[in-house]
Amino acid sequence: MDSAHHGGPFDRTGESFGFRRSPGGVRCGVRKIDPVLKVNLAPLMGRRDAAFDQAAESIGSDVFSLSAEKRLAVYGRITRLLALALEDCDQIISGLSSQDTISREKLLRSFISTLHASAVTLGDFSALGGMLGTDARKALAEFDANGENPRLAESEKMLGSTEENLVDLMRRLFTATHPRLARYRAYARQSFSPVYAEKYAVSYKSYSDVYGKDGL
């Protein structure tokens, strides 16, 4: 996946899929939009939506049929995808001039940020639960002067239950919000010219392939 970050056809900072580099920034204190940012809006939205959808697909998989180590890898993948989506949200917001659209995009960013925090927490719970069930448990028992080992087993069970509840919450959030998000995306695409609609479609398809299960 290095090509997705460090040059080549999938460089997030390059000119792939209709992206153009900005020759300058946004002046502080004045909402003067860099025209290059506006040119990039369609492919940025396509890339963000691809990352979001790949995260939704990953949490929808049967993660509890996997080992703790593989579940941790899935949660890490979801965390990275949502972090990339948040980066794109920030760039998209920077390129907007309509306050109504900015407000909607900020709400979307807040929602994605909530999912990202949940994925980070999932990874933490999974990692700690795995430690309590492996050699770390022997180390804890070695230095346990008060015979807390039975409580460690209770804690491991509690962590497992919390992990299941968080996975269920994320799945329900992705599912419940899908119809509204689909309408919002359709509304955004309708505002594109045919050229920019094509840039969105190419970006979404290309980054869906990049962010596929074997790519991130």
C-alpha atoms as a PDB file:
ATOM      1  CA  MET A   1       0.000   0.000   0.000  1.00  0.00           C
ATOM      2  CA  ASP A   2       3.001   2.344  -0.015  1.00  0.00           C
ATOM      3  CA  SER A   3       1.932   3.610  -3.414  1.00  0.00           C
ATOM      4  CA  ALA A   4      -1.223   4.981  -1.816  1.00  0.00           C
ATOM      5  CA  HIS A   5       0.790   7.368   0.294  1.00  0.00           C
ATOM      6  CA  HIS A   6       4.186   7.941  -1.237  1.00  0.00           C
ATOM      7  CA  GLY A   7       3.782   8.708  -4.917  1.00  0.00           C
ATOM      8  CA  GLY A   8       2.660   6.628  -7.842  1.00  0.00           C
ATOM      9  CA  PRO A   9      -0.875   6.239  -9.175  1.00  0.00           C
ATOM     10  CA  PHE A  10      -2.540   6.378  -5.752  1.00  0.00           C
ATOM     11  CA  ASP A  11      -0.630   9.271  -4.147  1.00  0.00           C
ATOM     12  CA  ARG A  12      -3.046  11.036  -1.751  1.00  0.00           C
ATOM     13  CA  THR A  13      -1.128  14.288  -2.240  1.00  0.00           C
ATOM     14  CA  GLY A  14      -0.565  14.016  -5.990  1.00  0.00           C
ATOM     15  CA  GLU A  15      -2.520  14.466  -9.151  1.00  0.00           C
ATOM     16  CA  SER A  16      -4.153  11.050  -9.474  1.00  0.00           C
ATOM     17  CA  PHE A  17      -7.847  10.710 -10.448  1.00  0.00           C
ATOM     18  CA  GLY A  18      -8.200  14.389 -11.364  1.00  0.00           C
ATOM     19  CA  PHE A  19      -6.469  15.861  -8.303  1.00  0.00           C
ATOM     20  CA  ARG A  20      -4.355  18.951  -8.883  1.00  0.00           C
ATOM     21  CA  ARG A  21      -1.763  20.343  -6.525  1.00  0.00           C
ATOM     22  CA  SER A  22      -2.508  23.663  -4.914  1.00  0.00           C
ATOM     23  CA  PRO A  23      -0.045  26.490  -5.568  1.00  0.00           C
ATOM     24  CA  GLY A  24      -1.023  28.250  -2.354  1.00  0.00           C
ATOM     25  CA  GLY A  25      -3.097  28.061   0.804  1.00  0.00           C
ATOM     26  CA  VAL A  26      -6.124  29.689   2.369  1.00  0.00           C
ATOM     27  CA  ARG A  27      -5.485  33.081   3.927  1.00  0.00           C
ATOM     28  CA  CYS A  28      -6.085  33.186   7.683  1.00  0.00           C
ATOM     29  CA  GLY A  29      -9.146  35.103   8.799  1.00  0.00           C
ATOM     30  CA  VAL A  30     -10.680  35.272   5.304  1.00  0.00           C
ATOM     31  CA  ARG A  31     -12.659  32.486   3.660  1.00  0.00           C
ATOM     32  CA  LYS A  32     -10.877  32.819   0.346  1.00  0.00           C
ATOM     33  CA  ILE A  33     -11.132  29.442  -1.320  1.00  0.00           C
ATOM     34  CA  ASP A  34      -8.176  28.206  -3.302  1.00  0.00           C
ATOM     35  CA  PRO A  35      -9.623  27.422  -6.766  1.00  0.00           C
ATOM     36  CA  VAL A  36      -7.567  24.234  -6.917  1.00  0.00           C
ATOM     37  CA  LEU A  37      -9.337  22.984  -3.769  1.00  0.00           C
ATOM     38  CA  LYS A  38     -12.659  23.482  -5.520  1.00  0.00           C
ATOM     39  CA  VAL A  39     -11.398  21.541  -8.532  1.00  0.00           C
ATOM     40  CA  ASN A  40     -10.467  18.709  -6.172  1.00  0.00           C
ATOM     41  CA  LEU A  41     -13.818  18.482  -4.374  1.00  0.00           C
ATOM     42  CA  ALA A  42     -15.347  15.752  -6.548  1.00  0.00           C
ATOM     43  CA  PRO A  43     -12.382  13.321  -6.396  1.00  0.00           C
ATOM     44  CA  LEU A  44     -11.911  14.090  -2.678  1.00  0.00           C
ATOM     45  CA  MET A  45     -15.530  13.147  -2.022  1.00  0.00           C
ATOM     46  CA  GLY A  46     -15.123   9.986  -4.058  1.00  0.00           C
ATOM     47  CA  ARG A  47     -12.026   9.023  -2.097  1.00  0.00           C
ATOM     48  CA  ARG A  48     -13.654   9.777   1.254  1.00  0.00           C
ATOM     49  CA  ASP A  49     -16.781   7.789   0.392  1.00  0.00           C
ATOM     50  CA  ALA A  50     -14.657   4.840  -0.763  1.00  0.00           C
ATOM     51  CA  ALA A  51     -12.780   4.765   2.549  1.00  0.00           C
ATOM     52  CA  PHE A  52     -16.015   5.036   4.519  1.00  0.00           C
ATOM     53  CA  ASP A  53     -17.719   2.225   2.587  1.00  0.00           C
ATOM     54  CA  GLN A  54     -14.716  -0.075   2.934  1.00  0.00           C
ATOM     55  CA  ALA A  55     -14.788   0.503   6.710  1.00  0.00           C
ATOM     56  CA  ALA A  56     -18.503  -0.321   6.775  1.00  0.00           C
ATOM     57  CA  GLU A  57     -17.865  -3.513   4.845  1.00  0.00           C
ATOM     58  CA  SER A  58     -15.102  -4.570   7.228  1.00  0.00           C
ATOM     59  CA  ILE A  59     -17.156  -4.137  10.411  1.00  0.00           C
ATOM     60  CA  GLY A  60     -19.987  -6.006   8.725  1.00  0.00           C
ATOM     61  CA  SER A  61     -17.837  -9.099   8.313  1.00  0.00           C
ATOM     62  CA  ASP A  62     -18.018 -12.001  10.743  1.00  0.00           C
ATOM     63  CA  VAL A  63     -15.178 -10.714  12.910  1.00  0.00           C
ATOM     64  CA  PHE A  64     -15.967 -12.969  15.852  1.00  0.00           C
ATOM     65  CA  SER A  65     -15.134 -16.046  13.818  1.00  0.00           C
ATOM     66  CA  LEU A  66     -11.545 -14.722  13.752  1.00  0.00           C
ATOM     67  CA  SER A  67      -8.790 -15.060  16.307  1.00  0.00           C
ATOM     68  CA  ALA A  68      -8.099 -12.133  18.663  1.00  0.00           C
ATOM     69  CA  GLU A  69      -5.031 -11.240  16.602  1.00  0.00           C
ATOM     70  CA  LYS A  70      -6.981 -11.142  13.337  1.00  0.00           C
ATOM     71  CA  ARG A  71      -9.829  -9.175  14.921  1.00  0.00           C
ATOM     72  CA  LEU A  72      -7.292  -6.629  16.094  1.00  0.00           C
ATOM     73  CA  ALA A  73      -6.034  -6.356  12.507  1.00  0.00           C
ATOM     74  CA  VAL A  74      -9.600  -5.716  11.275  1.00  0.00           C
ATOM     75  CA  TYR A  75     -10.128  -2.979  13.868  1.00  0.00           C
ATOM     76  CA  GLY A  76      -6.806  -1.420  12.898  1.00  0.00           C
ATOM     77  CA  ARG A  77      -7.837  -1.437   9.246  1.00  0.00           C
ATOM     78  CA  ILE A  78     -11.163   0.246  10.051  1.00  0.00           C
ATOM     79  CA  THR A  79      -9.361   2.849  12.168  1.00  0.00           C
ATOM     80  CA  ARG A  80      -6.977   3.679   9.312  1.00  0.00           C
ATOM     81  CA  LEU A  81      -9.788   3.899   6.751  1.00  0.00           C
ATOM     82  CA  LEU A  82     -11.848   6.251   8.894  1.00  0.00           C
ATOM     83  CA  ALA A  83      -8.762   8.357   9.652  1.00  0.00           C
ATOM     84  CA  LEU A  84      -8.222   8.766   5.899  1.00  0.00           C
ATOM     85  CA  ALA A  85     -11.889   9.693   5.480  1.00  0.00           C
ATOM     86  CA  LEU A  86     -11.490  12.361   8.175  1.00  0.00           C
ATOM     87  CA  GLU A  87      -8.465  13.816   6.375  1.00  0.00           C
ATOM     88  CA  ASP A  88     -10.536  14.114   3.217  1.00  0.00           C
ATOM     89  CA  CYS A  89     -13.421  15.667   5.169  1.00  0.00           C
ATOM     90  CA  ASP A  90     -11.091  18.431   6.343  1.00  0.00           C
ATOM     91  CA  GLN A  91      -9.908  19.143   2.806  1.00  0.00           C
ATOM     92  CA  ILE A  92     -13.459  19.108   1.458  1.00  0.00           C
ATOM     93  CA  ILE A  93     -14.638  21.580   4.105  1.00  0.00           C
ATOM     94  CA  SER A  94     -11.682  23.836   3.285  1.00  0.00           C
ATOM     95  CA  GLY A  95     -12.810  23.959  -0.351  1.00  0.00           C
ATOM     96  CA  LEU A  96     -16.456  24.876   0.293  1.00  0.00           C
ATOM     97  CA  SER A  97     -17.987  28.348   0.265  1.00  0.00           C
ATOM     98  CA  SER A  98     -21.664  27.592   0.989  1.00  0.00           C
ATOM     99  CA  GLN A  99     -22.335  27.763   4.734  1.00  0.00           C
ATOM    100  CA  ASP A 100     -25.206  25.269   4.448  1.00  0.00           C
ATOM    101  CA  THR A 101     -22.957  22.730   2.743  1.00  0.00           C
ATOM    102  CA  ILE A 102     -20.168  23.405   5.231  1.00  0.00           C
ATOM    103  CA  SER A 103     -22.575  22.735   8.109  1.00  0.00           C
ATOM    104  CA  ARG A 104     -23.708  19.428   6.584  1.00  0.00           C
ATOM    105  CA  GLU A 105     -20.135  18.364   5.890  1.00  0.00           C
ATOM    106  CA  LYS A 106     -19.120  19.200   9.456  1.00  0.00           C
ATOM    107  CA  LEU A 107     -21.955  17.031  10.760  1.00  0.00           C
ATOM    108  CA  LEU A 108     -20.781  14.205   8.512  1.00  0.00           C
ATOM    109  CA  ARG A 109     -17.236  14.690   9.774  1.00  0.00           C
ATOM    110  CA  SER A 110     -18.471  14.523  13.375  1.00  0.00           C
ATOM    111  CA  PHE A 111     -20.283  11.261  12.634  1.00  0.00           C
ATOM    112  CA  ILE A 112     -17.200   9.720  11.005  1.00  0.00           C
ATOM    113  CA  SER A 113     -15.107  10.926  13.953  1.00  0.00           C
ATOM    114  CA  THR A 114     -17.452   9.095  16.341  1.00  0.00           C
ATOM    115  CA  LEU A 115     -17.049   5.892  14.349  1.00  0.00           C
ATOM    116  CA  HIS A 116     -13.276   6.391  14.288  1.00  0.00           C
ATOM    117  CA  ALA A 117     -13.156   6.789  18.089  1.00  0.00           C
ATOM    118  CA  SER A 118     -15.238   3.614  18.422  1.00  0.00           C
ATOM    119  CA  ALA A 119     -12.819   1.705  16.189  1.00  0.00           C
ATOM    120  CA  VAL A 120      -9.834   2.935  18.221  1.00  0.00           C
ATOM    121  CA  THR A 121     -11.565   1.809  21.419  1.00  0.00           C
ATOM    122  CA  LEU A 122     -12.344  -1.563  19.871  1.00  0.00           C
ATOM    123  CA  GLY A 123      -8.675  -2.030  19.095  1.00  0.00           C
ATOM    124  CA  ASP A 124      -7.715  -1.121  22.654  1.00  0.00           C
ATOM    125  CA  PHE A 125     -10.233  -3.541  24.188  1.00  0.00           C
ATOM    126  CA  SER A 126      -9.199  -6.320  21.839  1.00  0.00           C
ATOM    127  CA  ALA A 127      -5.505  -5.802  22.537  1.00  0.00           C
ATOM    128  CA  LEU A 128      -5.992  -5.767  26.318  1.00  0.00           C
ATOM    129  CA  GLY A 129      -8.272  -8.810  26.229  1.00  0.00           C
ATOM    130  CA  GLY A 130      -5.673 -10.652  24.184  1.00  0.00           C
ATOM    131  CA  MET A 131      -2.941  -9.783  26.700  1.00  0.00           C
ATOM    132  CA  LEU A 132      -5.007 -11.090  29.609  1.00  0.00           C
ATOM    133  CA  GLY A 133      -5.460 -14.357  27.767  1.00  0.00           C
ATOM    134  CA  THR A 134      -1.801 -14.975  26.876  1.00  0.00           C
ATOM    135  CA  ASP A 135       1.643 -14.898  28.491  1.00  0.00           C
ATOM    136  CA  ALA A 136       0.858 -11.557  30.102  1.00  0.00           C
ATOM    137  CA  ARG A 137      -1.527 -13.459  32.355  1.00  0.00           C
ATOM    138  CA  LYS A 138       1.334 -15.607  33.634  1.00  0.00           C
ATOM    139  CA  ALA A 139       3.376 -12.506  34.348  1.00  0.00           C
ATOM    140  CA  LEU A 140       0.491 -10.927  36.238  1.00  0.00           C
ATOM    141  CA  ALA A 141      -0.008 -14.103  38.258  1.00  0.00           C
ATOM    142  CA  GLU A 142       3.721 -14.222  39.079  1.00  0.00           C
ATOM    143  CA  PHE A 143       3.601 -10.799  40.716  1.00  0.00           C
ATOM    144  CA  ASP A 144       0.088 -11.092  42.131  1.00  0.00           C
ATOM    145  CA  ALA A 145       0.432 -11.007  45.905  1.00  0.00           C
ATOM    146  CA  ASN A 146      -3.307 -10.885  46.582  1.00  0.00           C
ATOM    147  CA  GLY A 147      -4.597 -13.746  44.467  1.00  0.00           C
ATOM    148  CA  GLU A 148      -6.397 -11.621  41.891  1.00  0.00           C
ATOM    149  CA  ASN A 149      -6.209 -14.211  39.119  1.00  0.00           C
ATOM    150  CA  PRO A 150      -9.937 -15.105  39.285  1.00  0.00           C
ATOM    151  CA  ARG A 151     -10.741 -11.424  38.852  1.00  0.00           C
ATOM    152  CA  LEU A 152      -8.538 -11.317  35.775  1.00  0.00           C
ATOM    153  CA  ALA A 153     -10.779 -13.969  34.244  1.00  0.00           C
ATOM    154  CA  GLU A 154     -13.825 -11.837  35.077  1.00  0.00           C
ATOM    155  CA  SER A 155     -12.151  -8.802  33.530  1.00  0.00           C
ATOM    156  CA  GLU A 156     -11.318 -10.750  30.386  1.00  0.00           C
ATOM    157  CA  LYS A 157     -14.969 -11.759  30.076  1.00  0.00           C
ATOM    158  CA  MET A 158     -16.100  -8.153  30.608  1.00  0.00           C
ATOM    159  CA  LEU A 159     -13.712  -6.907  27.916  1.00  0.00           C
ATOM    160  CA  GLY A 160     -15.045  -9.515  25.510  1.00  0.00           C
ATOM    161  CA  SER A 161     -18.629  -8.427  26.184  1.00  0.00           C
ATOM    162  CA  THR A 162     -17.724  -4.758  25.698  1.00  0.00           C
ATOM    163  CA  GLU A 163     -16.007  -5.595  22.412  1.00  0.00           C
ATOM    164  CA  GLU A 164     -19.125  -7.381  21.164  1.00  0.00           C
ATOM    165  CA  ASN A 165     -21.328  -4.444  22.190  1.00  0.00           C
ATOM    166  CA  LEU A 166     -19.083  -1.929  20.413  1.00  0.00           C
ATOM    167  CA  VAL A 167     -19.012  -4.000  17.221  1.00  0.00           C
ATOM    168  CA  ASP A 168     -22.812  -4.244  17.360  1.00  0.00           C
ATOM    169  CA  LEU A 169     -23.086  -0.476  17.902  1.00  0.00           C
ATOM    170  CA  MET A 170     -20.851   0.317  14.925  1.00  0.00           C
ATOM    171  CA  ARG A 171     -22.744  -2.093  12.686  1.00  0.00           C
ATOM    172  CA  ARG A 172     -26.060  -0.527  13.665  1.00  0.00           C
ATOM    173  CA  LEU A 173     -24.717   3.003  13.097  1.00  0.00           C
ATOM    174  CA  PHE A 174     -23.423   2.131   9.640  1.00  0.00           C
ATOM    175  CA  THR A 175     -26.699   0.398   8.732  1.00  0.00           C
ATOM    176  CA  ALA A 176     -29.079   2.970  10.209  1.00  0.00           C
ATOM    177  CA  THR A 177     -27.397   5.925   8.539  1.00  0.00           C
ATOM    178  CA  HIS A 178     -26.897   4.307   5.126  1.00  0.00           C
ATOM    179  CA  PRO A 179     -30.177   5.520   3.510  1.00  0.00           C
ATOM    180  CA  ARG A 180     -29.651   9.138   4.574  1.00  0.00           C
ATOM    181  CA  LEU A 181     -25.986   9.108   3.564  1.00  0.00           C
ATOM    182  CA  ALA A 182     -26.889   7.619   0.183  1.00  0.00           C
ATOM    183  CA  ARG A 183     -29.379  10.447  -0.415  1.00  0.00           C
ATOM    184  CA  TYR A 184     -26.820  13.035   0.678  1.00  0.00           C
ATOM    185  CA  ARG A 185     -24.230  11.617  -1.708  1.00  0.00           C
ATOM    186  CA  ALA A 186     -26.737  11.591  -4.550  1.00  0.00           C
ATOM    187  CA  TYR A 187     -27.614  15.218  -3.809  1.00  0.00           C
ATOM    188  CA  ALA A 188     -23.924  16.182  -3.833  1.00  0.00           C
ATOM    189  CA  ARG A 189     -23.289  14.356  -7.112  1.00  0.00           C
ATOM    190  CA  GLN A 190     -26.240  16.103  -8.765  1.00  0.00           C
ATOM    191  CA  SER A 191     -24.473  19.417  -8.176  1.00  0.00           C
ATOM    192  CA  PHE A 192     -21.477  18.239 -10.237  1.00  0.00           C
ATOM    193  CA  SER A 193     -21.054  18.936 -13.915  1.00  0.00           C
ATOM    194  CA  PRO A 194     -20.719  15.782 -16.070  1.00  0.00           C
ATOM    195  CA  VAL A 195     -16.928  16.162 -15.987  1.00  0.00           C
ATOM    196  CA  TYR A 196     -16.777  16.323 -12.189  1.00  0.00           C
ATOM    197  CA  ALA A 197     -19.356  13.579 -11.791  1.00  0.00           C
ATOM    198  CA  GLU A 198     -17.020  11.380 -13.818  1.00  0.00           C
ATOM    199  CA  LYS A 199     -14.075  12.409 -11.615  1.00  0.00           C
ATOM    200  CA  TYR A 200     -16.078  11.396  -8.540  1.00  0.00           C
ATOM    201  CA  ALA A 201     -16.952   8.016 -10.065  1.00  0.00           C
ATOM    202  CA  VAL A 202     -13.380   7.299 -11.154  1.00  0.00           C
ATOM    203  CA  SER A 203     -11.994   8.312  -7.758  1.00  0.00           C
ATOM    204  CA  TYR A 204     -14.557   6.218  -5.865  1.00  0.00           C
ATOM    205  CA  LYS A 205     -13.932   3.117  -7.981  1.00  0.00           C
ATOM    206  CA  SER A 206     -10.162   3.463  -7.983  1.00  0.00           C
ATOM    207  CA  TYR A 207      -9.845   4.045  -4.244  1.00  0.00           C
ATOM    208  CA  SER A 208     -12.337   1.279  -3.486  1.00  0.00           C
ATOM    209  CA  ASP A 209      -9.845  -1.004  -5.212  1.00  0.00           C
ATOM    210  CA  VAL A 210      -6.891   0.574  -3.372  1.00  0.00           C
ATOM    211  CA  TYR A 211      -8.625   0.319   0.001  1.00  0.00           C
ATOM    212  CA  GLY A 212      -9.804  -3.230  -0.634  1.00  0.00           C
ATOM    213  CA  LYS A 213      -9.104  -5.920   1.931  1.00  0.00           C
ATOM    214  CA  ASP A 214      -5.648  -6.698   0.589  1.00  0.00           C
ATOM    215  CA  GLY A 215      -4.673  -3.061   0.131  1.00  0.00           C
ATOM    216  CA  LEU A 216      -4.764  -1.389   3.542  1.00  0.00           C
END
